[in-house]
Protein backbone atom coordinates (compact mmCIF):
# COMPACT_ATOMS: atom_id res chain seq x y z
CA MET A 1 -118.67 -78.30 -57.17
CA THR A 2 -116.60 -75.46 -55.72
CA LYS A 3 -115.66 -72.62 -58.03
CA THR A 4 -112.05 -71.42 -57.79
CA ILE A 5 -111.56 -67.71 -58.25
CA LYS A 6 -108.21 -66.89 -59.83
CA THR A 7 -108.66 -63.15 -60.20
CA VAL A 8 -110.29 -60.62 -57.90
CA HIS A 9 -110.37 -56.83 -57.66
CA LEU A 10 -109.53 -55.57 -54.16
CA ALA A 11 -111.08 -52.19 -53.40
CA ILE A 12 -109.24 -51.16 -50.23
CA ASP A 13 -110.40 -48.18 -48.18
CA ILE A 14 -112.71 -46.77 -50.85
CA GLN A 15 -115.35 -45.36 -48.54
CA GLN A 16 -117.21 -42.20 -47.59
CA SER A 17 -115.23 -41.85 -44.35
CA PHE A 18 -112.37 -40.05 -46.08
CA LEU A 19 -114.66 -37.21 -47.17
CA HIS A 20 -115.13 -36.35 -43.48
CA MET A 21 -111.44 -36.09 -42.56
CA PRO A 22 -109.68 -32.72 -42.22
CA TYR A 23 -106.90 -33.73 -44.63
CA TRP A 24 -109.31 -34.73 -47.43
CA GLN A 25 -109.08 -32.91 -50.78
CA ASN A 26 -111.54 -33.34 -53.64
CA ASP A 27 -108.95 -32.56 -56.34
CA ASP A 28 -109.07 -35.89 -58.20
CA LEU A 29 -112.15 -37.48 -56.62
CA GLU A 30 -114.44 -37.31 -59.67
CA ILE A 31 -111.79 -38.77 -61.99
CA PHE A 32 -111.05 -41.54 -59.50
CA LYS A 33 -114.74 -42.37 -59.00
CA ALA A 34 -115.41 -42.49 -62.74
CA ASN A 35 -112.40 -44.75 -63.34
CA GLU A 36 -113.24 -47.06 -60.44
CA ILE A 37 -116.85 -47.42 -61.60
CA LYS A 38 -115.67 -48.15 -65.14
CA LEU A 39 -113.23 -50.76 -63.79
CA ILE A 40 -115.84 -52.47 -61.60
CA ASN A 41 -118.41 -52.52 -64.42
CA GLY A 42 -115.87 -54.02 -66.83
CA LEU A 43 -114.82 -56.65 -64.30
CA ASP A 44 -118.47 -57.51 -63.60
CA LYS A 45 -118.95 -58.25 -67.31
CA LEU A 46 -115.99 -60.64 -67.07
CA ASN A 47 -117.41 -62.23 -63.90
CA ILE A 48 -114.44 -60.99 -61.87
CA PRO A 49 -115.61 -60.10 -58.36
CA THR A 50 -114.75 -56.99 -56.38
CA ILE A 51 -114.02 -57.39 -52.68
CA GLY A 52 -114.29 -54.26 -50.52
CA ILE A 53 -111.93 -53.94 -47.56
CA PHE A 54 -112.83 -51.07 -45.26
CA HIS A 55 -110.81 -49.26 -42.62
CA ILE A 56 -112.79 -49.30 -39.36
CA GLU A 57 -112.12 -47.42 -36.11
CA GLU A 58 -114.02 -47.36 -32.83
CA GLN A 59 -114.89 -43.64 -33.07
CA GLY A 60 -115.12 -40.90 -35.68
CA PRO A 61 -115.84 -41.02 -39.42
CA PHE A 62 -114.32 -44.51 -39.73
CA SER A 63 -116.57 -46.04 -37.05
CA LYS A 64 -119.49 -48.25 -38.01
CA ALA A 65 -121.79 -45.90 -36.05
CA SER A 66 -120.90 -42.98 -38.36
CA GLY A 67 -122.55 -44.62 -41.35
CA HIS A 68 -119.57 -43.72 -43.55
CA ALA A 69 -117.34 -46.72 -42.95
CA VAL A 70 -119.08 -49.19 -45.25
């Protein structure tokens, strides 16, 4: 039997790459991280999956070779 998922959490462009960009600011990072972890943990308890969508570029911090993109 195939399970139909009606609800999913999309985590778009939440990746280490941003920390390596010249425009990055850490101002609200810790609050965001704590809230996102709390959200994901709560959704896990409800069996609601999180799908990560990552921004990828051929070169730089967003490239797969950088190790920061995923």
